[in-house]
Amino acid sequence: MIPSFLIFSLAAALLASLSGGIIGSYVVIKRLANLCGSISHSVMGGMGFFLWLQKVHGISWCTPILGAFIAAIISAWVIGWIHLYFRQRVDAIIAAVWSTGMSIGVIFLALTPGSTSDLTNFFR
């Protein structure tokens, strides 16, 4: 008798491999391989900005997680908007958003007084 969790695990693995193969081919053809990296690194801008707001201006509801969420939404929107309306290459837009988000995050972390070790806990 095969345990039910093994059957569910096998079914999940088969479905993941099927969808991963289809989506993976689309990602490679459309040159979107760095999209996840771009959005995940650009959230540092939102996290740094919201941590700066929290520590400098005392706005308690500005948590770094909320800043990360908002920065991820804005980054995805900017990538799509520039690609649709300005007809630029997607990989160039992705690289620009990646570096811009990271640099904004580093600038606001440098401007934040005191310890910024609160932010390093989110990256583990």
Protein backbone atom coordinates (compact mmCIF):
# COMPACT_ATOMS: atom_id res chain seq x y z
CA MET A 1 0.00 0.00 0.00
CA ILE A 2 1.44 3.35 -1.04
CA PRO A 3 0.90 6.15 1.50
CA SER A 4 -1.39 8.92 0.32
CA PHE A 5 1.18 11.64 0.92
CA LEU A 6 3.50 9.97 -1.62
CA ILE A 7 0.75 9.96 -4.23
CA PHE A 8 0.04 13.64 -3.58
CA SER A 9 3.76 14.42 -3.71
CA LEU A 10 4.11 12.62 -7.03
CA ALA A 11 1.07 14.42 -8.46
CA ALA A 12 2.41 17.79 -7.28
CA ALA A 13 5.82 17.06 -8.81
CA LEU A 14 4.28 16.09 -12.15
CA LEU A 15 2.10 19.20 -12.25
CA ALA A 16 5.03 21.42 -11.27
CA SER A 17 7.25 19.92 -13.97
CA LEU A 18 4.56 20.40 -16.59
CA SER A 19 3.84 24.02 -15.69
CA GLY A 20 7.53 24.78 -15.12
CA GLY A 21 8.42 23.52 -18.58
CA ILE A 22 5.77 25.61 -20.28
CA ILE A 23 6.46 28.79 -18.30
CA GLY A 24 10.23 28.29 -18.47
CA SER A 25 10.17 28.20 -22.26
CA TYR A 26 8.10 31.37 -22.36
CA VAL A 27 10.47 33.12 -19.96
CA VAL A 28 13.54 32.23 -22.03
CA ILE A 29 11.96 33.24 -25.35
CA LYS A 30 10.71 36.58 -24.01
CA ARG A 31 14.07 37.32 -22.29
CA LEU A 32 12.50 37.56 -18.85
CA ALA A 33 15.05 35.37 -17.07
CA ASN A 34 16.20 38.18 -14.78
CA LEU A 35 12.73 39.47 -13.95
CA CYS A 36 12.55 37.76 -10.56
CA GLY A 37 16.02 38.97 -9.65
CA SER A 38 15.19 42.50 -10.69
CA ILE A 39 12.02 42.73 -8.64
CA SER A 40 13.51 40.97 -5.62
CA HIS A 41 16.54 43.27 -5.58
CA SER A 42 14.58 46.43 -6.27
CA VAL A 43 12.48 45.88 -3.14
CA MET A 44 15.52 47.01 -1.19
CA GLY A 45 14.65 50.54 -2.27
CA GLY A 46 11.23 50.30 -0.69
CA MET A 47 12.55 48.64 2.42
CA GLY A 48 15.26 51.26 2.89
CA PHE A 49 12.83 54.12 2.26
CA PHE A 50 10.24 52.81 4.70
CA LEU A 51 12.88 52.09 7.35
CA TRP A 52 14.13 55.65 6.89
CA LEU A 53 10.59 56.99 7.28
CA GLN A 54 10.10 54.87 10.37
CA LYS A 55 13.32 55.91 12.12
CA VAL A 56 13.71 59.53 11.02
CA HIS A 57 10.09 60.70 10.91
CA GLY A 58 8.64 58.28 13.47
CA ILE A 59 5.91 56.92 11.21
CA SER A 60 5.27 53.60 12.93
CA TRP A 61 3.11 51.99 10.24
CA CYS A 62 5.93 52.28 7.65
CA THR A 63 7.39 48.83 8.08
CA PRO A 64 10.09 47.51 5.74
CA ILE A 65 7.83 44.63 4.67
CA LEU A 66 5.17 47.07 3.50
CA GLY A 67 7.86 49.01 1.68
CA ALA A 68 9.05 45.80 -0.01
CA PHE A 69 5.52 44.99 -1.16
CA ILE A 70 4.93 48.45 -2.57
CA ALA A 71 8.35 48.53 -4.26
CA ALA A 72 7.71 45.14 -5.87
CA ILE A 73 4.38 46.32 -7.29
CA ILE A 74 5.90 49.57 -8.55
CA SER A 75 8.88 47.76 -10.09
CA ALA A 76 6.68 45.32 -11.99
CA TRP A 77 4.43 48.17 -13.15
CA VAL A 78 7.41 50.26 -14.33
CA ILE A 79 8.88 47.34 -16.28
CA GLY A 80 5.57 46.66 -18.01
CA TRP A 81 4.75 50.32 -18.64
CA ILE A 82 8.11 51.18 -20.18
CA HIS A 83 8.04 48.07 -22.34
CA LEU A 84 4.53 48.75 -23.63
CA TYR A 85 4.68 52.48 -24.22
CA PHE A 86 8.32 53.11 -25.11
CA ARG A 87 9.10 49.84 -26.93
CA GLN A 88 12.41 49.28 -25.17
CA ARG A 89 14.06 45.91 -24.77
CA VAL A 90 12.79 44.10 -21.70
CA ASP A 91 16.22 42.95 -20.53
CA ALA A 92 17.52 46.54 -20.56
CA ILE A 93 14.51 47.73 -18.54
CA ILE A 94 14.94 44.88 -16.08
CA ALA A 95 18.60 45.77 -15.52
CA ALA A 96 17.77 49.46 -15.04
CA VAL A 97 15.03 48.73 -12.49
CA TRP A 98 17.34 46.30 -10.67
CA SER A 99 20.17 48.82 -10.27
CA THR A 100 17.87 51.76 -9.52
CA GLY A 101 16.03 49.95 -6.74
CA MET A 102 19.24 48.71 -5.15
CA SER A 103 20.86 52.16 -5.28
CA ILE A 104 17.80 53.84 -3.76
CA GLY A 105 17.89 51.30 -0.96
CA VAL A 106 21.58 51.85 -0.27
CA ILE A 107 21.12 55.65 -0.26
CA PHE A 108 18.27 55.50 2.26
CA LEU A 109 20.13 53.01 4.43
CA ALA A 110 23.09 55.40 4.52
CA LEU A 111 20.75 58.26 5.49
CA THR A 112 19.08 56.25 8.27
CA PRO A 113 20.59 57.11 11.64
CA GLY A 114 21.59 54.41 14.07
CA SER A 115 21.73 50.73 13.36
CA THR A 116 20.23 49.38 10.19
CA SER A 117 20.55 45.80 11.34
CA ASP A 118 16.74 45.64 11.40
CA LEU A 119 16.82 45.47 7.62
CA THR A 120 19.41 42.68 7.42
CA ASN A 121 17.02 40.35 9.26
CA PHE A 122 14.67 40.47 6.25
CA PHE A 123 17.33 39.20 3.83
CA ARG A 124 18.03 35.91 5.59
